[in-house]
Amino acid sequence: MLSSGAMTHVFISPHPDDAALSCGGLIASLRELGQNVTIISVFSGGPRAGNGLSEYQRAALGFGSKAIWPSTEAFRRDNIGADVPVPAGAAPWAADPERVALTQEYANTQARQFWQRAAWTRSANVTNIATPERPLADAVGGQGSGETIDFAAADAMTIRRAEDERYAFFMEASLIQLDLPDAVFRGYEGDEQLLGAVREDDPAPYELLRREILRLEPQIVYFPLAIGGHVDHQLCREVGLAMLDEGRQWVMPGPDLVGRTAFYEDFPYAWWHDFAGAADLAGTMALPPGVSLQARYCDIGEVLERKASGLTLYASQVVRLFESEQGMRDDLAGFHARVALAGGMRGFAERTWTPVRA
């Protein structure tokens, strides 16, 4: 059964960027409250997707709800001025170079004693000068600094996975990339097919996604509503609905996910389609008998800018979806103001829909 002490919120993201687009404000708010967030990117793979890892390998390689080290956003330090004038070439705090070297040596010794491994020198870089042994986090691409990375030689899905990793670091969330092939690599062509009916020979990844969700023991798991009808979003939603409808089992029964499941509004589809509420889903979403959806609102006024900043890390998608970064910010403000108004709130809000039993 789910552990009441595991304060983990799991967001099912059909593609890299979907959780950020639709739930970035909620994710930021949860992290500010100190709660764990895990994002599962489902269809993040290309034509040769599938890492083939065993259960042991997945755990050993750090998949799942683990803290990402370092657990804070990296920032550039070389543009922070010193409080007092310092000689040219000196460290910003103007310490004597020999004493700085002694401090680094002492830190190395303490690290070896702590870790009990001579090769595990995990001491801080007290000089703020990059060396092969101690690169600065600022200089390591993808470590949350928000700097532009040259992806010219990478394929589209590699870029999107890298953007997803940067976003997870930025939000201090953990990330699982299942690397199932995107719909465009499964034979869907054009908007009519991508936003149409799911093919009969294209089943939802129920067993894989269910296993990943249950081992994370989430407090709440968030699935897309599939507003807009993208087939990958529909397949993820179907997994959520199937898990809601699971009967109790005699051997290793799964938990009752009613009350621990939520469905989020797919942005920007919900904005483009003027989504107004659960009634708009009539005929497209088959809830289990006796279950209905109840709206829950999250005030994201204080974290709206952080949500927008996180979305800029998905540089390959912002222009495609919104034409410009300013267009993205304008659409965010318009959509979330409209959602807040629907909930009788001021400012900006995100909305999720929680299944409840009648």
Protein backbone atom coordinates (compact mmCIF):
# COMPACT_ATOMS: atom_id res chain seq x y z
CA MET A 1 0.00 0.00 0.00
CA LEU A 2 1.05 3.61 -0.37
CA SER A 3 3.11 4.99 2.48
CA SER A 4 1.54 8.01 4.18
CA GLY A 5 5.00 9.35 4.97
CA ALA A 6 6.18 9.39 1.34
CA MET A 7 5.45 12.97 0.33
CA THR A 8 6.14 12.40 -3.34
CA HIS A 9 4.05 13.92 -6.12
CA VAL A 10 4.40 12.10 -9.44
CA PHE A 11 3.61 13.91 -12.68
CA ILE A 12 3.00 11.81 -15.78
CA SER A 13 4.35 13.81 -18.71
CA PRO A 14 3.52 12.32 -22.12
CA HIS A 15 6.51 14.14 -23.63
CA PRO A 16 9.38 16.21 -22.30
CA ASP A 17 7.82 19.63 -21.51
CA ASP A 18 4.18 18.57 -20.90
CA ALA A 19 4.43 18.56 -17.10
CA ALA A 20 6.29 21.87 -17.18
CA LEU A 21 3.74 23.46 -19.51
CA SER A 22 0.68 22.26 -17.63
CA CYS A 23 1.82 21.98 -14.00
CA GLY A 24 4.96 24.12 -13.71
CA GLY A 25 3.35 26.42 -11.15
CA LEU A 26 2.14 23.54 -8.99
CA ILE A 27 5.55 21.86 -9.23
CA ALA A 28 7.29 25.05 -8.12
CA SER A 29 4.83 25.48 -5.23
CA LEU A 30 5.32 21.89 -4.06
CA ARG A 31 9.09 22.25 -4.08
CA GLU A 32 8.84 25.49 -2.07
CA LEU A 33 6.87 23.47 0.50
CA GLY A 34 9.67 20.90 0.62
CA GLN A 35 7.69 18.12 -1.00
CA ASN A 36 9.29 15.70 -3.45
CA VAL A 37 8.40 15.85 -7.11
CA THR A 38 9.10 13.15 -9.67
CA ILE A 39 8.36 13.65 -13.36
CA ILE A 40 7.90 10.57 -15.55
CA SER A 41 8.46 11.45 -19.21
CA VAL A 42 6.79 8.62 -21.07
CA PHE A 43 7.19 9.08 -24.83
CA SER A 44 10.65 10.63 -24.73
CA GLY A 45 12.33 8.27 -27.16
CA GLY A 46 13.19 8.14 -30.81
CA PRO A 47 12.84 5.38 -33.40
CA ARG A 48 15.26 3.07 -31.56
CA ALA A 49 13.84 3.79 -28.12
CA GLY A 50 13.99 1.50 -25.13
CA ASN A 51 16.96 1.23 -22.78
CA GLY A 52 16.34 -2.43 -21.92
CA LEU A 53 17.37 -1.99 -18.30
CA SER A 54 16.52 -4.61 -15.72
CA GLU A 55 14.73 -3.65 -12.50
CA TYR A 56 18.04 -3.84 -10.63
CA GLN A 57 19.83 -1.70 -13.23
CA ARG A 58 17.11 0.96 -13.09
CA ALA A 59 17.47 1.20 -9.31
CA ALA A 60 21.27 1.11 -9.37
CA LEU A 61 21.48 3.87 -11.96
CA GLY A 62 19.37 6.22 -9.89
CA PHE A 63 15.97 6.08 -11.57
CA GLY A 64 13.14 7.13 -9.30
CA SER A 65 12.46 9.53 -6.48
CA LYS A 66 16.00 10.44 -5.53
CA ALA A 67 17.49 13.82 -4.73
CA ILE A 68 19.53 15.35 -7.52
CA TRP A 69 22.91 16.61 -6.30
CA PRO A 70 23.50 19.49 -5.88
CA SER A 71 19.90 20.13 -4.83
CA THR A 72 19.84 23.82 -5.63
CA GLU A 73 19.93 25.69 -8.91
CA ALA A 74 23.42 26.49 -10.11
CA PHE A 75 24.25 30.12 -10.79
CA ARG A 76 27.15 32.00 -12.29
CA ARG A 77 29.52 33.44 -9.73
CA ASP A 78 32.08 35.05 -11.98
CA ASN A 79 29.91 38.15 -12.51
CA ILE A 80 29.49 38.89 -8.79
CA GLY A 81 31.70 41.79 -7.85
CA ALA A 82 33.89 41.82 -4.76
CA ASP A 83 32.90 43.98 -1.79
CA VAL A 84 36.35 45.60 -1.66
CA PRO A 85 39.02 46.21 -4.32
CA VAL A 86 41.29 43.19 -4.83
CA PRO A 87 44.62 42.79 -6.60
CA ALA A 88 44.54 41.52 -10.18
CA GLY A 89 44.49 37.75 -10.32
CA ALA A 90 43.52 37.31 -6.69
CA ALA A 91 40.52 35.35 -5.49
CA PRO A 92 37.36 37.47 -5.01
CA TRP A 93 37.75 37.34 -1.22
CA ALA A 94 41.38 38.48 -1.46
CA ALA A 95 42.82 35.63 0.58
CA ASP A 96 46.50 34.88 0.43
CA PRO A 97 47.07 32.29 -2.37
CA GLU A 98 49.20 30.06 -0.12
CA ARG A 99 46.55 30.03 2.58
CA VAL A 100 43.87 29.23 0.01
CA ALA A 101 45.95 26.25 -1.16
CA LEU A 102 46.31 25.05 2.42
CA THR A 103 42.56 25.36 2.93
CA GLN A 104 41.91 23.26 -0.19
CA GLU A 105 44.37 20.62 0.97
CA TYR A 106 42.70 20.50 4.39
CA ALA A 107 39.29 20.14 2.72
CA ASN A 108 40.62 17.25 0.62
CA THR A 109 41.93 15.46 3.71
CA GLN A 110 38.66 15.89 5.57
CA ALA A 111 36.73 14.57 2.57
CA ARG A 112 38.88 11.45 2.33
CA GLN A 113 38.48 10.79 6.05
CA PHE A 114 34.72 11.23 5.82
CA TRP A 115 34.18 9.10 2.71
CA GLN A 116 36.85 6.52 3.66
CA ARG A 117 37.89 6.36 0.03
CA ALA A 118 41.00 8.09 -1.22
CA ALA A 119 39.50 8.43 -4.69
CA TRP A 120 36.26 10.02 -3.46
CA THR A 121 37.44 13.60 -3.06
CA ARG A 122 34.11 15.36 -2.79
CA SER A 123 35.38 18.54 -1.15
CA ALA A 124 34.29 22.01 -2.18
CA ASN A 125 36.31 23.96 -4.70
CA VAL A 126 37.42 26.76 -2.40
CA THR A 127 39.32 28.65 -5.10
CA ASN A 128 36.36 28.99 -7.51
CA ILE A 129 38.84 28.14 -10.29
CA ALA A 130 37.95 25.22 -12.52
CA THR A 131 40.37 22.28 -12.59
CA PRO A 132 40.04 18.83 -14.18
CA GLU A 133 39.54 17.36 -10.70
CA ARG A 134 37.00 19.99 -9.60
CA PRO A 135 35.00 21.53 -12.45
CA LEU A 136 32.66 24.32 -11.45
CA ALA A 137 28.95 23.53 -11.67
CA ASP A 138 28.56 26.78 -13.60
CA ALA A 139 30.75 25.41 -16.39
CA VAL A 140 28.99 22.05 -16.75
CA GLY A 141 26.35 22.19 -19.45
CA GLY A 142 22.87 21.34 -18.32
CA GLN A 143 23.41 21.98 -14.62
CA GLY A 144 20.59 24.46 -14.17
CA SER A 145 22.38 27.70 -14.98
CA GLY A 146 20.02 28.54 -17.82
CA GLU A 147 22.85 29.20 -20.25
CA THR A 148 22.43 28.34 -23.92
CA ILE A 149 23.76 24.91 -24.91
CA ASP A 150 24.75 24.17 -28.49
CA PHE A 151 22.73 21.15 -29.55
CA ALA A 152 23.52 21.53 -33.25
CA ALA A 153 24.85 18.01 -33.60
CA ALA A 154 22.05 16.31 -31.64
CA ASP A 155 18.84 14.76 -32.94
CA ALA A 156 15.45 16.12 -31.91
CA MET A 157 14.68 13.62 -29.13
CA THR A 158 18.17 13.93 -27.66
CA ILE A 159 17.63 17.68 -27.46
CA ARG A 160 14.25 17.26 -25.82
CA ARG A 161 15.58 14.79 -23.25
CA ALA A 162 18.43 17.17 -22.41
CA GLU A 163 15.96 20.02 -22.00
CA ASP A 164 13.90 17.81 -19.69
CA GLU A 165 16.95 17.10 -17.54
CA ARG A 166 17.77 20.80 -17.28
CA TYR A 167 14.20 21.54 -16.25
CA ALA A 168 14.26 18.85 -13.55
CA PHE A 169 17.48 20.31 -12.19
CA PHE A 170 16.03 23.83 -12.32
CA MET A 171 12.94 22.74 -10.37
CA GLU A 172 14.91 20.44 -8.05
CA ALA A 173 12.77 17.49 -9.12
CA SER A 174 13.71 13.94 -9.98
CA LEU A 175 13.15 12.67 -13.49
CA ILE A 176 12.41 9.28 -15.03
CA GLN A 177 12.60 9.04 -18.81
CA LEU A 178 10.91 5.87 -20.05
CA ASP A 179 12.09 6.60 -23.60
CA LEU A 180 9.13 4.97 -25.32
CA PRO A 181 8.99 6.12 -28.96
CA ASP A 182 7.02 9.28 -29.67
CA ALA A 183 3.87 8.89 -31.77
CA VAL A 184 5.62 10.27 -34.84
CA PHE A 185 7.97 7.26 -34.63
CA ARG A 186 5.04 4.84 -34.23
CA GLY A 187 3.51 5.63 -37.61
CA TYR A 188 1.23 8.59 -36.86
CA GLU A 189 1.54 11.26 -39.56
CA GLY A 190 0.12 14.77 -39.64
CA ASP A 191 -2.11 16.59 -37.16
CA GLU A 192 -5.19 14.66 -38.23
CA GLN A 193 -3.64 11.41 -36.99
CA LEU A 194 -1.66 12.84 -34.05
CA LEU A 195 -4.76 14.56 -32.70
CA GLY A 196 -7.20 11.82 -33.67
CA ALA A 197 -8.15 8.36 -32.51
CA VAL A 198 -5.58 5.99 -31.02
CA ARG A 199 -4.92 3.04 -33.32
CA GLU A 200 -6.05 -0.40 -32.14
CA ASP A 201 -2.51 -1.74 -32.53
CA ASP A 202 -1.06 0.99 -30.28
CA PRO A 203 -1.82 -0.05 -26.67
CA ALA A 204 -1.29 2.19 -23.65
CA PRO A 205 1.92 1.41 -21.69
CA TYR A 206 -0.15 0.27 -18.73
CA GLU A 207 2.12 -2.30 -17.06
CA LEU A 208 5.30 -0.25 -17.39
CA LEU A 209 3.77 2.99 -16.18
CA ARG A 210 1.82 1.32 -13.39
CA ARG A 211 4.99 -0.35 -12.08
CA GLU A 212 6.93 2.91 -12.09
CA ILE A 213 4.12 4.76 -10.32
CA LEU A 214 3.54 2.19 -7.57
CA ARG A 215 7.19 1.78 -6.68
CA LEU A 216 7.46 5.54 -6.14
CA GLU A 217 4.65 5.39 -3.56
CA PRO A 218 3.21 8.79 -4.51
CA GLN A 219 1.00 10.89 -2.32
CA ILE A 220 -0.68 12.08 -5.53
CA VAL A 221 -0.10 11.08 -9.14
CA TYR A 222 -1.09 13.52 -11.89
CA PHE A 223 -2.20 12.39 -15.36
CA PRO A 224 -3.10 14.54 -18.38
CA LEU A 225 -6.75 15.10 -19.31
CA ALA A 226 -5.71 14.80 -22.98
CA ILE A 227 -7.38 18.09 -23.93
CA GLY A 228 -6.63 18.58 -27.62
CA GLY A 229 -6.65 14.84 -28.26
CA HIS A 230 -2.94 14.13 -28.85
CA VAL A 231 -2.68 10.34 -29.01
CA ASP A 232 0.24 10.18 -26.56
CA HIS A 233 -1.74 12.23 -24.04
CA GLN A 234 -4.75 9.96 -24.57
CA LEU A 235 -2.65 6.86 -23.86
CA CYS A 236 -1.28 8.32 -20.62
CA ARG A 237 -4.79 9.32 -19.55
CA GLU A 238 -6.03 5.80 -20.26
CA VAL A 239 -3.42 4.37 -17.91
CA GLY A 240 -4.70 6.68 -15.16
CA LEU A 241 -8.31 5.69 -15.78
CA ALA A 242 -7.41 1.99 -15.81
CA MET A 243 -5.58 2.32 -12.49
CA LEU A 244 -8.61 4.08 -11.00
CA ASP A 245 -10.78 1.18 -12.12
CA GLU A 246 -8.57 -1.59 -10.76
CA GLY A 247 -10.34 -4.06 -8.52
CA ARG A 248 -8.82 -5.22 -5.27
CA GLN A 249 -6.61 -8.26 -5.72
CA TRP A 250 -5.87 -11.19 -3.41
CA VAL A 251 -2.13 -11.20 -4.10
CA MET A 252 -0.21 -7.95 -3.55
CA PRO A 253 -3.26 -5.72 -3.96
CA GLY A 254 -2.65 -2.34 -5.47
CA PRO A 255 -3.78 0.80 -3.64
CA ASP A 256 -7.08 2.55 -4.20
CA LEU A 257 -5.98 5.56 -6.21
CA VAL A 258 -9.26 7.44 -5.96
CA GLY A 259 -8.31 10.47 -3.89
CA ARG A 260 -4.65 10.02 -4.74
CA THR A 261 -5.03 10.71 -8.44
CA ALA A 262 -5.49 14.01 -10.25
CA PHE A 263 -5.86 14.97 -13.90
CA TYR A 264 -4.28 18.17 -15.15
CA GLU A 265 -5.36 20.50 -17.96
CA ASP A 266 -3.01 20.15 -20.91
CA PHE A 267 -1.53 23.57 -21.68
CA PRO A 268 -1.48 25.14 -24.25
CA TYR A 269 -4.25 22.89 -25.69
CA ALA A 270 -6.66 23.95 -22.94
CA TRP A 271 -5.96 27.60 -23.85
CA TRP A 272 -6.34 27.04 -27.56
CA HIS A 273 -9.60 25.06 -27.14
CA ASP A 274 -11.15 27.39 -24.52
CA PHE A 275 -11.48 24.49 -22.08
CA ALA A 276 -14.06 25.46 -19.46
CA GLY A 277 -14.43 22.41 -17.25
CA ALA A 278 -15.17 18.72 -16.87
CA ALA A 279 -18.37 19.03 -18.92
CA ASP A 280 -16.19 19.67 -21.98
CA LEU A 281 -14.84 16.12 -21.64
CA ALA A 282 -18.24 14.46 -22.04
CA GLY A 283 -17.95 11.46 -24.31
CA THR A 284 -14.15 11.44 -24.34
CA MET A 285 -13.25 10.31 -20.81
CA ALA A 286 -14.86 7.21 -19.30
CA LEU A 287 -14.59 7.42 -15.51
CA PRO A 288 -15.25 4.31 -13.40
CA PRO A 289 -18.83 3.93 -12.13
CA GLY A 290 -19.62 6.11 -9.15
CA VAL A 291 -16.60 8.39 -9.69
CA SER A 292 -16.78 12.06 -10.67
CA LEU A 293 -14.23 14.85 -11.04
CA GLN A 294 -13.85 17.74 -8.62
CA ALA A 295 -11.88 20.89 -9.48
CA ARG A 296 -8.93 21.91 -7.31
CA TYR A 297 -7.20 25.26 -7.76
CA CYS A 298 -3.59 26.15 -7.02
CA ASP A 299 -2.65 29.83 -6.69
CA ILE A 300 0.54 30.26 -8.73
CA GLY A 301 0.79 34.05 -8.66
CA GLU A 302 4.05 33.99 -6.71
CA VAL A 303 5.63 31.31 -8.89
CA LEU A 304 4.34 32.30 -12.33
CA GLU A 305 7.69 33.83 -13.26
CA ARG A 306 9.49 30.66 -12.14
CA LYS A 307 7.15 28.60 -14.31
CA ALA A 308 7.91 30.85 -17.30
CA SER A 309 11.66 30.69 -16.61
CA GLY A 310 11.48 26.90 -16.51
CA LEU A 311 9.70 26.80 -19.84
CA THR A 312 12.48 28.82 -21.48
CA LEU A 313 14.72 25.80 -20.90
CA TYR A 314 12.62 23.99 -23.53
CA ALA A 315 14.04 26.23 -26.22
CA SER A 316 13.25 23.75 -29.01
CA GLN A 317 9.54 23.99 -28.22
CA VAL A 318 8.84 27.58 -27.15
CA VAL A 319 9.02 29.13 -30.61
CA ARG A 320 7.17 26.20 -32.20
CA LEU A 321 4.29 26.50 -29.73
CA PHE A 322 4.15 30.24 -29.03
CA GLU A 323 6.20 31.92 -31.83
CA SER A 324 8.36 33.71 -29.23
CA GLU A 325 9.28 33.76 -25.55
CA GLN A 326 7.09 36.83 -25.07
CA GLY A 327 4.22 34.99 -26.74
CA MET A 328 4.68 32.17 -24.24
CA ARG A 329 4.58 34.58 -21.30
CA ASP A 330 1.49 36.31 -22.70
CA ASP A 331 -0.34 33.00 -23.14
CA LEU A 332 0.64 31.86 -19.65
CA ALA A 333 -0.72 35.05 -18.11
CA GLY A 334 -3.93 34.92 -20.13
CA PHE A 335 -4.68 31.28 -19.46
CA HIS A 336 -3.87 31.24 -15.76
CA ALA A 337 -5.77 34.49 -15.15
CA ARG A 338 -8.82 32.88 -16.78
CA VAL A 339 -8.46 29.74 -14.64
CA ALA A 340 -8.17 31.85 -11.48
CA LEU A 341 -11.32 33.76 -12.44
CA ALA A 342 -13.19 30.46 -12.90
CA GLY A 343 -12.22 29.50 -9.37
CA GLY A 344 -13.27 32.82 -7.87
CA MET A 345 -9.65 33.80 -7.25
CA ARG A 346 -7.53 36.82 -8.06
CA GLY A 347 -4.28 36.59 -9.96
CA PHE A 348 -3.18 33.36 -11.59
CA ALA A 349 -4.02 29.71 -10.96
CA GLU A 350 -3.59 26.18 -12.25
CA ARG A 351 -6.43 23.69 -11.99
CA THR A 352 -6.42 19.93 -11.52
CA TRP A 353 -9.37 17.56 -11.43
CA THR A 354 -9.52 15.00 -8.62
CA PRO A 355 -11.62 11.83 -8.91
CA VAL A 356 -14.04 11.44 -5.96
CA ARG A 357 -16.52 8.71 -5.16
CA ALA A 358 -20.18 9.68 -5.03
